[in-house]
Amino acid sequence: MSTTTQSYLVGLIGDGVTPSLTPPMHEAEGDAHGLRYLYRPIDLNVIGKQGTDVGELLTAGAMLGFNAFNITHPCKQLVLEHLDEISDEARNIGAVNTVVIRDGKFHGYNTDASGFTYALANGLPEANLEAVLQLGVGGAGSAVAYALLDSGVKELFLVDPELSRATERAQTLSTQFPDRAISAHTPAVVPELLPRVTGVLNASPVGMRQHPGLPLDVTGLTPAHWVADVIYRPVNTELLTAAQTLGCKTLDGGHMAVGQAVDAFGIITGLTPDAPRMRAHLLEMLEAGL
């Protein structure tokens, strides 16, 4: 275990973040490294602020001695105009979820994409990436789509109830990955698309505790499909449970949650966190009903 006199004060800015398991994941890993590491949720709903106030919160945080912030809904795009530097990947995705304060300047990164890249590589290392159907393009879906293509997906079908949102994202990604086939669709065509794909990723909110249910008709799934979810509460969503029953290989959202936290912790501290240890801690908290 390494030790340092450096202490860290980190915050999570977003709507409804008070119950987030990201703070205890970071703090426990800080403890394991012998760090003084305190991570506080800054819930916009609790403090009566809007997403547009994110710049004000960053400035106040810097004045109060915060080292870094994680940024979540609805601030990932809104924060961009308040940053001094943005990583290439975050700029390509068009969103930032990690801000580090160095010498009074705000540096933005995105660990949503790298977190899912980690999840795919470690949780489904032999996944066939020929063609993938992604459900949901808002929020983390934008970054996950980038991660899929960056991981080698050749054909990506983006499905969203808001066709214009899916179309806009498809156009941007097509510019960044000109050698791939990327298209936008509404949920109505999912049954027609399923036989054409090797994998399905749910990046929609359907399946969360507050949005229970299935994001698609699972009767179109076969054992040849792999199925992934970005939701980690519950870690075994209805979609993953149904897919496992049908013989599909699956990837739970806990892998991405850990991948995000691993990368953010590394960016903030410069240390290499223990990913298996962080996943074990996350699963312990979920099993305890936290």
C-alpha atoms as a PDB file:
ATOM      1  CA  MET A   1       0.000   0.000   0.000  1.00  0.00           C
ATOM      2  CA  SER A   2       1.388   3.371  -1.023  1.00  0.00           C
ATOM      3  CA  THR A   3       1.106   6.407   1.231  1.00  0.00           C
ATOM      4  CA  THR A   4       1.164  10.101   0.492  1.00  0.00           C
ATOM      5  CA  THR A   5       0.654  13.359   2.330  1.00  0.00           C
ATOM      6  CA  GLN A   6      -1.560  14.558  -0.527  1.00  0.00           C
ATOM      7  CA  SER A   7      -5.248  14.699   0.372  1.00  0.00           C
ATOM      8  CA  TYR A   8      -8.104  14.692  -2.138  1.00  0.00           C
ATOM      9  CA  LEU A   9     -11.491  16.378  -2.061  1.00  0.00           C
ATOM     10  CA  VAL A  10     -13.725  15.243  -4.934  1.00  0.00           C
ATOM     11  CA  GLY A  11     -17.367  15.925  -5.797  1.00  0.00           C
ATOM     12  CA  LEU A  12     -20.112  14.455  -7.987  1.00  0.00           C
ATOM     13  CA  ILE A  13     -22.329  17.075  -9.640  1.00  0.00           C
ATOM     14  CA  GLY A  14     -25.710  16.067 -11.074  1.00  0.00           C
ATOM     15  CA  ASP A  15     -29.419  15.446 -10.532  1.00  0.00           C
ATOM     16  CA  GLY A  16     -30.350  12.805  -7.971  1.00  0.00           C
ATOM     17  CA  VAL A  17     -26.770  11.779  -7.191  1.00  0.00           C
ATOM     18  CA  THR A  18     -27.174  11.456  -3.414  1.00  0.00           C
ATOM     19  CA  PRO A  19     -27.643   7.621  -3.552  1.00  0.00           C
ATOM     20  CA  SER A  20     -24.751   7.134  -6.027  1.00  0.00           C
ATOM     21  CA  LEU A  21     -22.278   4.353  -5.229  1.00  0.00           C
ATOM     22  CA  THR A  22     -19.448   6.177  -7.003  1.00  0.00           C
ATOM     23  CA  PRO A  23     -18.392   8.125  -3.871  1.00  0.00           C
ATOM     24  CA  PRO A  24     -17.961   5.038  -1.641  1.00  0.00           C
ATOM     25  CA  MET A  25     -16.182   3.194  -4.479  1.00  0.00           C
ATOM     26  CA  HIS A  26     -13.641   6.021  -4.779  1.00  0.00           C
ATOM     27  CA  GLU A  27     -13.245   6.440  -1.029  1.00  0.00           C
ATOM     28  CA  ALA A  28     -12.643   2.723  -0.414  1.00  0.00           C
ATOM     29  CA  GLU A  29     -10.014   2.619  -3.160  1.00  0.00           C
ATOM     30  CA  GLY A  30      -8.419   5.728  -1.672  1.00  0.00           C
ATOM     31  CA  ASP A  31      -8.257   3.949   1.687  1.00  0.00           C
ATOM     32  CA  ALA A  32      -6.607   0.945   0.034  1.00  0.00           C
ATOM     33  CA  HIS A  33      -3.887   3.246  -1.326  1.00  0.00           C
ATOM     34  CA  GLY A  34      -3.360   4.998   2.004  1.00  0.00           C
ATOM     35  CA  LEU A  35      -4.887   8.255   0.753  1.00  0.00           C
ATOM     36  CA  ARG A  36      -6.957  10.842   2.533  1.00  0.00           C
ATOM     37  CA  TYR A  37      -9.716  10.807  -0.076  1.00  0.00           C
ATOM     38  CA  LEU A  38     -13.128  12.369   0.536  1.00  0.00           C
ATOM     39  CA  TYR A  39     -15.806  12.230  -2.171  1.00  0.00           C
ATOM     40  CA  ARG A  40     -19.048  14.167  -1.747  1.00  0.00           C
ATOM     41  CA  PRO A  41     -22.259  14.051  -3.846  1.00  0.00           C
ATOM     42  CA  ILE A  42     -23.395  17.530  -4.906  1.00  0.00           C
ATOM     43  CA  ASP A  43     -27.025  16.903  -5.754  1.00  0.00           C
ATOM     44  CA  LEU A  44     -28.613  19.669  -7.825  1.00  0.00           C
ATOM     45  CA  ASN A  45     -32.052  18.676  -6.536  1.00  0.00           C
ATOM     46  CA  VAL A  46     -30.918  19.045  -2.926  1.00  0.00           C
ATOM     47  CA  ILE A  47     -29.105  22.380  -3.273  1.00  0.00           C
ATOM     48  CA  GLY A  48     -31.700  23.937  -5.587  1.00  0.00           C
ATOM     49  CA  LYS A  49     -29.444  24.445  -8.593  1.00  0.00           C
ATOM     50  CA  GLN A  50     -29.925  23.790 -12.319  1.00  0.00           C
ATOM     51  CA  GLY A  51     -27.638  22.033 -14.768  1.00  0.00           C
ATOM     52  CA  THR A  52     -26.765  25.442 -16.203  1.00  0.00           C
ATOM     53  CA  ASP A  53     -25.218  26.342 -12.841  1.00  0.00           C
ATOM     54  CA  VAL A  54     -22.410  23.807 -13.301  1.00  0.00           C
ATOM     55  CA  GLY A  55     -19.860  26.518 -14.142  1.00  0.00           C
ATOM     56  CA  GLU A  56     -20.704  28.375 -10.952  1.00  0.00           C
ATOM     57  CA  LEU A  57     -20.316  25.163  -8.946  1.00  0.00           C
ATOM     58  CA  LEU A  58     -16.923  24.405 -10.504  1.00  0.00           C
ATOM     59  CA  THR A  59     -15.672  27.892  -9.653  1.00  0.00           C
ATOM     60  CA  ALA A  60     -16.956  27.634  -6.089  1.00  0.00           C
ATOM     61  CA  GLY A  61     -15.402  24.182  -5.751  1.00  0.00           C
ATOM     62  CA  ALA A  62     -12.012  25.441  -6.915  1.00  0.00           C
ATOM     63  CA  MET A  63     -12.171  28.265  -4.373  1.00  0.00           C
ATOM     64  CA  LEU A  64     -13.025  25.762  -1.619  1.00  0.00           C
ATOM     65  CA  GLY A  65     -10.110  23.488  -2.457  1.00  0.00           C
ATOM     66  CA  PHE A  66     -11.739  20.663  -4.432  1.00  0.00           C
ATOM     67  CA  ASN A  67      -9.288  18.675  -6.533  1.00  0.00           C
ATOM     68  CA  ALA A  68     -11.785  17.257  -9.039  1.00  0.00           C
ATOM     69  CA  PHE A  69     -15.397  16.583  -9.919  1.00  0.00           C
ATOM     70  CA  ASN A  70     -17.275  13.847 -11.661  1.00  0.00           C
ATOM     71  CA  ILE A  71     -20.073  15.263 -13.802  1.00  0.00           C
ATOM     72  CA  THR A  72     -23.314  13.491 -14.636  1.00  0.00           C
ATOM     73  CA  HIS A  73     -26.809  14.251 -15.993  1.00  0.00           C
ATOM     74  CA  PRO A  74     -27.743  16.940 -16.946  1.00  0.00           C
ATOM     75  CA  CYS A  75     -24.342  18.652 -16.970  1.00  0.00           C
ATOM     76  CA  LYS A  76     -22.091  16.568 -19.234  1.00  0.00           C
ATOM     77  CA  GLN A  77     -22.566  18.838 -22.240  1.00  0.00           C
ATOM     78  CA  LEU A  78     -23.293  22.035 -20.294  1.00  0.00           C
ATOM     79  CA  VAL A  79     -19.911  21.877 -18.567  1.00  0.00           C
ATOM     80  CA  LEU A  80     -17.933  22.060 -21.820  1.00  0.00           C
ATOM     81  CA  GLU A  81     -18.012  25.846 -22.126  1.00  0.00           C
ATOM     82  CA  HIS A  82     -16.562  26.251 -18.639  1.00  0.00           C
ATOM     83  CA  LEU A  83     -13.398  24.200 -19.217  1.00  0.00           C
ATOM     84  CA  ASP A  84      -9.902  25.383 -20.055  1.00  0.00           C
ATOM     85  CA  GLU A  85      -8.794  22.125 -21.658  1.00  0.00           C
ATOM     86  CA  ILE A  86     -10.713  19.106 -22.980  1.00  0.00           C
ATOM     87  CA  SER A  87      -9.220  15.715 -23.840  1.00  0.00           C
ATOM     88  CA  ASP A  88      -9.439  14.590 -27.468  1.00  0.00           C
ATOM     89  CA  GLU A  89     -11.782  11.722 -26.597  1.00  0.00           C
ATOM     90  CA  ALA A  90     -14.129  13.960 -24.599  1.00  0.00           C
ATOM     91  CA  ARG A  91     -14.173  16.448 -27.450  1.00  0.00           C
ATOM     92  CA  ASN A  92     -15.008  13.693 -29.945  1.00  0.00           C
ATOM     93  CA  ILE A  93     -17.838  12.460 -27.741  1.00  0.00           C
ATOM     94  CA  GLY A  94     -19.072  15.966 -27.035  1.00  0.00           C
ATOM     95  CA  ALA A  95     -19.373  15.393 -23.296  1.00  0.00           C
ATOM     96  CA  VAL A  96     -17.258  15.490 -20.135  1.00  0.00           C
ATOM     97  CA  ASN A  97     -17.810  13.457 -16.979  1.00  0.00           C
ATOM     98  CA  THR A  98     -14.541  14.142 -15.120  1.00  0.00           C
ATOM     99  CA  VAL A  99     -13.047  17.557 -14.370  1.00  0.00           C
ATOM    100  CA  VAL A 100      -9.666  17.922 -12.664  1.00  0.00           C
ATOM    101  CA  ILE A 101      -8.555  21.258 -11.239  1.00  0.00           C
ATOM    102  CA  ARG A 102      -4.857  21.965 -11.762  1.00  0.00           C
ATOM    103  CA  ASP A 103      -3.236  25.345 -11.126  1.00  0.00           C
ATOM    104  CA  GLY A 104      -6.648  26.967 -11.094  1.00  0.00           C
ATOM    105  CA  LYS A 105      -7.614  25.596 -14.512  1.00  0.00           C
ATOM    106  CA  PHE A 106     -10.351  23.080 -15.357  1.00  0.00           C
ATOM    107  CA  HIS A 107      -9.330  20.035 -17.399  1.00  0.00           C
ATOM    108  CA  GLY A 108     -12.141  17.853 -18.823  1.00  0.00           C
ATOM    109  CA  TYR A 109     -12.128  14.120 -19.591  1.00  0.00           C
ATOM    110  CA  ASN A 110     -14.679  11.449 -20.466  1.00  0.00           C
ATOM    111  CA  THR A 111     -14.454   8.056 -18.766  1.00  0.00           C
ATOM    112  CA  ASP A 112     -17.881   6.879 -19.949  1.00  0.00           C
ATOM    113  CA  ALA A 113     -16.428   5.666 -23.241  1.00  0.00           C
ATOM    114  CA  SER A 114     -13.219   4.276 -21.761  1.00  0.00           C
ATOM    115  CA  GLY A 115     -15.284   2.702 -18.963  1.00  0.00           C
ATOM    116  CA  PHE A 116     -17.389   0.783 -21.451  1.00  0.00           C
ATOM    117  CA  THR A 117     -14.313  -0.146 -23.487  1.00  0.00           C
ATOM    118  CA  TYR A 118     -12.895  -1.650 -20.286  1.00  0.00           C
ATOM    119  CA  ALA A 119     -16.190  -3.428 -19.596  1.00  0.00           C
ATOM    120  CA  LEU A 120     -16.359  -4.979 -23.057  1.00  0.00           C
ATOM    121  CA  ALA A 121     -12.719  -6.070 -23.058  1.00  0.00           C
ATOM    122  CA  ASN A 122     -12.897  -7.641 -19.598  1.00  0.00           C
ATOM    123  CA  GLY A 123     -16.493  -8.840 -19.391  1.00  0.00           C
ATOM    124  CA  LEU A 124     -17.039 -10.037 -22.982  1.00  0.00           C
ATOM    125  CA  PRO A 125     -13.531 -10.428 -24.413  1.00  0.00           C
ATOM    126  CA  GLU A 126     -14.633 -12.680 -27.280  1.00  0.00           C
ATOM    127  CA  ALA A 127     -17.732 -10.731 -28.301  1.00  0.00           C
ATOM    128  CA  ASN A 128     -18.467 -10.719 -32.032  1.00  0.00           C
ATOM    129  CA  LEU A 129     -18.386  -7.011 -32.971  1.00  0.00           C
ATOM    130  CA  GLU A 130     -19.538  -7.408 -36.568  1.00  0.00           C
ATOM    131  CA  ALA A 131     -22.873  -5.621 -36.043  1.00  0.00           C
ATOM    132  CA  VAL A 132     -24.440  -4.159 -32.907  1.00  0.00           C
ATOM    133  CA  LEU A 133     -27.896  -2.818 -32.056  1.00  0.00           C
ATOM    134  CA  GLN A 134     -27.795  -0.028 -29.454  1.00  0.00           C
ATOM    135  CA  LEU A 135     -30.968   0.982 -27.645  1.00  0.00           C
ATOM    136  CA  GLY A 136     -30.861   4.582 -26.421  1.00  0.00           C
ATOM    137  CA  VAL A 137     -28.580   7.393 -27.554  1.00  0.00           C
ATOM    138  CA  GLY A 138     -29.075   9.945 -24.794  1.00  0.00           C
ATOM    139  CA  GLY A 139     -26.897  10.324 -21.712  1.00  0.00           C
ATOM    140  CA  ALA A 140     -24.230   7.622 -21.529  1.00  0.00           C
ATOM    141  CA  GLY A 141     -25.487   6.208 -24.842  1.00  0.00           C
ATOM    142  CA  SER A 142     -23.609   8.853 -26.779  1.00  0.00           C
ATOM    143  CA  ALA A 143     -20.287   7.840 -25.236  1.00  0.00           C
ATOM    144  CA  VAL A 144     -21.028   4.116 -25.413  1.00  0.00           C
ATOM    145  CA  ALA A 145     -21.702   4.349 -29.151  1.00  0.00           C
ATOM    146  CA  TYR A 146     -18.273   5.925 -29.590  1.00  0.00           C
ATOM    147  CA  ALA A 147     -16.719   3.180 -27.448  1.00  0.00           C
ATOM    148  CA  LEU A 148     -18.362   0.430 -29.504  1.00  0.00           C
ATOM    149  CA  LEU A 149     -16.963   1.807 -32.736  1.00  0.00           C
ATOM    150  CA  ASP A 150     -13.572   2.467 -31.164  1.00  0.00           C
ATOM    151  CA  SER A 151     -13.570  -1.180 -30.023  1.00  0.00           C
ATOM    152  CA  GLY A 152     -14.049  -2.371 -33.602  1.00  0.00           C
ATOM    153  CA  VAL A 153     -17.803  -2.580 -34.270  1.00  0.00           C
ATOM    154  CA  LYS A 154     -18.231  -2.510 -38.038  1.00  0.00           C
ATOM    155  CA  GLU A 155     -21.962  -1.825 -38.277  1.00  0.00           C
ATOM    156  CA  LEU A 156     -23.910   0.090 -35.612  1.00  0.00           C
ATOM    157  CA  PHE A 157     -27.677   0.525 -35.505  1.00  0.00           C
ATOM    158  CA  LEU A 158     -28.664   3.386 -33.180  1.00  0.00           C
ATOM    159  CA  VAL A 159     -32.243   3.112 -31.911  1.00  0.00           C
ATOM    160  CA  ASP A 160     -33.971   5.881 -29.987  1.00  0.00           C
ATOM    161  CA  PRO A 161     -37.581   7.082 -29.546  1.00  0.00           C
ATOM    162  CA  GLU A 162     -36.277  10.484 -30.678  1.00  0.00           C
ATOM    163  CA  LEU A 163     -35.176   9.669 -34.217  1.00  0.00           C
ATOM    164  CA  SER A 164     -33.630  13.126 -34.647  1.00  0.00           C
ATOM    165  CA  ARG A 165     -31.292  12.497 -31.705  1.00  0.00           C
ATOM    166  CA  ALA A 166     -30.202   9.145 -33.112  1.00  0.00           C
ATOM    167  CA  THR A 167     -29.759  10.675 -36.582  1.00  0.00           C
ATOM    168  CA  GLU A 168     -27.608  13.515 -35.271  1.00  0.00           C
ATOM    169  CA  ARG A 169     -25.387  11.107 -33.341  1.00  0.00           C
ATOM    170  CA  ALA A 170     -25.106   8.778 -36.338  1.00  0.00           C
ATOM    171  CA  GLN A 171     -23.990  11.648 -38.551  1.00  0.00           C
ATOM    172  CA  THR A 172     -21.332  12.774 -36.082  1.00  0.00           C
ATOM    173  CA  LEU A 173     -19.999   9.243 -35.593  1.00  0.00           C
ATOM    174  CA  SER A 174     -19.950   8.643 -39.352  1.00  0.00           C
ATOM    175  CA  THR A 175     -17.599  11.612 -39.685  1.00  0.00           C
ATOM    176  CA  GLN A 176     -15.332  10.246 -36.955  1.00  0.00           C
ATOM    177  CA  PHE A 177     -15.478   6.640 -38.202  1.00  0.00           C
ATOM    178  CA  PRO A 178     -15.916   6.992 -41.991  1.00  0.00           C
ATOM    179  CA  ASP A 179     -15.156   3.314 -42.649  1.00  0.00           C
ATOM    180  CA  ARG A 180     -18.104   2.067 -40.535  1.00  0.00           C
ATOM    181  CA  ALA A 181     -21.807   1.713 -41.315  1.00  0.00           C
ATOM    182  CA  ILE A 182     -23.834   3.739 -38.787  1.00  0.00           C
ATOM    183  CA  SER A 183     -27.572   4.283 -39.054  1.00  0.00           C
ATOM    184  CA  ALA A 184     -30.438   5.697 -36.974  1.00  0.00           C
ATOM    185  CA  HIS A 185     -33.794   3.995 -36.334  1.00  0.00           C
ATOM    186  CA  THR A 186     -36.931   4.069 -34.200  1.00  0.00           C
ATOM    187  CA  PRO A 187     -37.818   1.214 -31.803  1.00  0.00           C
ATOM    188  CA  ALA A 188     -40.490  -0.017 -34.234  1.00  0.00           C
ATOM    189  CA  VAL A 189     -37.855  -1.604 -36.493  1.00  0.00           C
ATOM    190  CA  VAL A 190     -35.973  -3.503 -33.765  1.00  0.00           C
ATOM    191  CA  PRO A 191     -37.577  -6.891 -34.629  1.00  0.00           C
ATOM    192  CA  GLU A 192     -36.323  -6.495 -38.214  1.00  0.00           C
ATOM    193  CA  LEU A 193     -32.822  -5.526 -37.087  1.00  0.00           C
ATOM    194  CA  LEU A 194     -32.210  -8.286 -34.520  1.00  0.00           C
ATOM    195  CA  PRO A 195     -31.475 -11.050 -37.071  1.00  0.00           C
ATOM    196  CA  ARG A 196     -28.846  -8.776 -38.632  1.00  0.00           C
ATOM    197  CA  VAL A 197     -26.788  -8.130 -35.489  1.00  0.00           C
ATOM    198  CA  THR A 198     -24.349 -10.090 -33.318  1.00  0.00           C
ATOM    199  CA  GLY A 199     -24.845  -8.035 -30.161  1.00  0.00           C
ATOM    200  CA  VAL A 200     -27.395  -5.843 -28.362  1.00  0.00           C
ATOM    201  CA  LEU A 201     -26.578  -3.019 -25.959  1.00  0.00           C
ATOM    202  CA  ASN A 202     -29.185  -1.345 -23.784  1.00  0.00           C
ATOM    203  CA  ALA A 203     -28.226   2.265 -23.072  1.00  0.00           C
ATOM    204  CA  SER A 204     -31.818   3.309 -22.382  1.00  0.00           C
ATOM    205  CA  PRO A 205     -33.237   3.808 -18.848  1.00  0.00           C
ATOM    206  CA  VAL A 206     -35.619   0.860 -19.247  1.00  0.00           C
ATOM    207  CA  GLY A 207     -34.646  -1.730 -16.678  1.00  0.00           C
ATOM    208  CA  MET A 208     -33.615   0.644 -13.897  1.00  0.00           C
ATOM    209  CA  ARG A 209     -35.359   0.269 -10.544  1.00  0.00           C
ATOM    210  CA  GLN A 210     -37.434   3.368 -11.261  1.00  0.00           C
ATOM    211  CA  HIS A 211     -38.076   2.273 -14.882  1.00  0.00           C
ATOM    212  CA  PRO A 212     -38.661  -1.500 -14.692  1.00  0.00           C
ATOM    213  CA  GLY A 213     -39.346  -3.615 -17.751  1.00  0.00           C
ATOM    214  CA  LEU A 214     -37.746  -4.815 -20.954  1.00  0.00           C
ATOM    215  CA  PRO A 215     -36.377  -2.392 -23.579  1.00  0.00           C
ATOM    216  CA  LEU A 216     -37.202  -4.787 -26.443  1.00  0.00           C
ATOM    217  CA  ASP A 217     -39.092  -7.966 -27.293  1.00  0.00           C
ATOM    218  CA  VAL A 218     -36.591 -10.648 -26.251  1.00  0.00           C
ATOM    219  CA  THR A 219     -38.235 -13.350 -28.376  1.00  0.00           C
ATOM    220  CA  GLY A 220     -35.986 -12.156 -31.213  1.00  0.00           C
ATOM    221  CA  LEU A 221     -32.826 -12.980 -29.272  1.00  0.00           C
ATOM    222  CA  THR A 222     -30.892 -16.205 -29.907  1.00  0.00           C
ATOM    223  CA  PRO A 223     -27.857 -17.821 -28.219  1.00  0.00           C
ATOM    224  CA  ALA A 224     -25.761 -16.310 -31.017  1.00  0.00           C
ATOM    225  CA  HIS A 225     -26.403 -12.800 -29.610  1.00  0.00           C
ATOM    226  CA  TRP A 226     -24.464 -11.207 -26.779  1.00  0.00           C
ATOM    227  CA  VAL A 227     -26.425  -8.741 -24.659  1.00  0.00           C
ATOM    228  CA  ALA A 228     -25.037  -5.865 -22.593  1.00  0.00           C
ATOM    229  CA  ASP A 229     -26.619  -3.311 -20.282  1.00  0.00           C
ATOM    230  CA  VAL A 230     -25.243  -0.032 -18.919  1.00  0.00           C
ATOM    231  CA  ILE A 231     -27.650  -0.184 -15.947  1.00  0.00           C
ATOM    232  CA  TYR A 232     -26.128  -1.464 -12.706  1.00  0.00           C
ATOM    233  CA  ARG A 233     -29.080  -0.935 -10.366  1.00  0.00           C
ATOM    234  CA  PRO A 234     -30.151  -3.710 -10.431  1.00  0.00           C
ATOM    235  CA  VAL A 235     -26.992  -5.366 -11.673  1.00  0.00           C
ATOM    236  CA  ASN A 236     -29.065  -8.216 -13.145  1.00  0.00           C
ATOM    237  CA  THR A 237     -31.694  -6.361 -15.127  1.00  0.00           C
ATOM    238  CA  GLU A 238     -34.793  -8.021 -16.560  1.00  0.00           C
ATOM    239  CA  LEU A 239     -33.103  -7.867 -19.962  1.00  0.00           C
ATOM    240  CA  LEU A 240     -29.968  -9.676 -18.809  1.00  0.00           C
ATOM    241  CA  THR A 241     -31.961 -12.296 -16.901  1.00  0.00           C
ATOM    242  CA  ALA A 242     -34.123 -12.997 -19.955  1.00  0.00           C
ATOM    243  CA  ALA A 243     -31.082 -13.086 -22.247  1.00  0.00           C
ATOM    244  CA  GLN A 244     -29.273 -15.551 -19.982  1.00  0.00           C
ATOM    245  CA  THR A 245     -32.348 -17.797 -19.989  1.00  0.00           C
ATOM    246  CA  LEU A 246     -32.219 -17.769 -23.794  1.00  0.00           C
ATOM    247  CA  GLY A 247     -28.548 -18.795 -23.762  1.00  0.00           C
ATOM    248  CA  CYS A 248     -26.999 -15.407 -24.599  1.00  0.00           C
ATOM    249  CA  LYS A 249     -23.676 -14.257 -23.195  1.00  0.00           C
ATOM    250  CA  THR A 250     -24.253 -11.123 -21.136  1.00  0.00           C
ATOM    251  CA  LEU A 251     -22.415  -8.100 -19.732  1.00  0.00           C
ATOM    252  CA  ASP A 252     -23.831  -6.282 -16.704  1.00  0.00           C
ATOM    253  CA  GLY A 253     -23.597  -2.523 -16.177  1.00  0.00           C
ATOM    254  CA  GLY A 254     -21.443  -2.951 -13.099  1.00  0.00           C
ATOM    255  CA  HIS A 255     -18.459  -3.532 -15.381  1.00  0.00           C
ATOM    256  CA  MET A 256     -18.888  -0.088 -16.967  1.00  0.00           C
ATOM    257  CA  ALA A 257     -19.522   1.579 -13.590  1.00  0.00           C
ATOM    258  CA  VAL A 258     -16.234   0.149 -12.354  1.00  0.00           C
ATOM    259  CA  GLY A 259     -14.413   1.045 -15.572  1.00  0.00           C
ATOM    260  CA  GLN A 260     -15.573   4.667 -15.248  1.00  0.00           C
ATOM    261  CA  ALA A 261     -14.495   4.829 -11.613  1.00  0.00           C
ATOM    262  CA  VAL A 262     -11.132   3.168 -12.305  1.00  0.00           C
ATOM    263  CA  ASP A 263     -10.273   5.671 -15.033  1.00  0.00           C
ATOM    264  CA  ALA A 264     -11.517   8.696 -13.084  1.00  0.00           C
ATOM    265  CA  PHE A 265      -9.597   7.647  -9.950  1.00  0.00           C
ATOM    266  CA  GLY A 266      -6.462   7.244 -12.043  1.00  0.00           C
ATOM    267  CA  ILE A 267      -6.879  10.645 -13.688  1.00  0.00           C
ATOM    268  CA  ILE A 268      -7.488  12.364 -10.345  1.00  0.00           C
ATOM    269  CA  THR A 269      -4.695  10.713  -8.327  1.00  0.00           C
ATOM    270  CA  GLY A 270      -2.183   9.516 -10.906  1.00  0.00           C
ATOM    271  CA  LEU A 271      -2.309   6.081  -9.243  1.00  0.00           C
ATOM    272  CA  THR A 272      -3.367   2.748 -10.725  1.00  0.00           C
ATOM    273  CA  PRO A 273      -6.469   1.448  -8.944  1.00  0.00           C
ATOM    274  CA  ASP A 274      -7.266  -2.236  -8.437  1.00  0.00           C
ATOM    275  CA  ALA A 275     -10.202  -2.841 -10.789  1.00  0.00           C
ATOM    276  CA  PRO A 276     -11.190  -6.321  -9.461  1.00  0.00           C
ATOM    277  CA  ARG A 277     -11.173  -4.944  -5.920  1.00  0.00           C
ATOM    278  CA  MET A 278     -13.411  -2.035  -6.947  1.00  0.00           C
ATOM    279  CA  ARG A 279     -15.848  -4.384  -8.696  1.00  0.00           C
ATOM    280  CA  ALA A 280     -15.979  -6.662  -5.661  1.00  0.00           C
ATOM    281  CA  HIS A 281     -16.763  -3.639  -3.486  1.00  0.00           C
ATOM    282  CA  LEU A 282     -19.499  -2.472  -5.881  1.00  0.00           C
ATOM    283  CA  LEU A 283     -21.140  -5.909  -5.907  1.00  0.00           C
ATOM    284  CA  GLU A 284     -20.973  -6.041  -2.101  1.00  0.00           C
ATOM    285  CA  MET A 285     -22.791  -2.703  -1.866  1.00  0.00           C
ATOM    286  CA  LEU A 286     -25.416  -3.756  -4.395  1.00  0.00           C
ATOM    287  CA  GLU A 287     -25.990  -7.049  -2.572  1.00  0.00           C
ATOM    288  CA  ALA A 288     -26.417  -5.105   0.667  1.00  0.00           C
ATOM    289  CA  GLY A 289     -29.125  -3.030  -1.007  1.00  0.00           C
ATOM    290  CA  LEU A 290     -27.215   0.245  -0.874  1.00  0.00           C
END
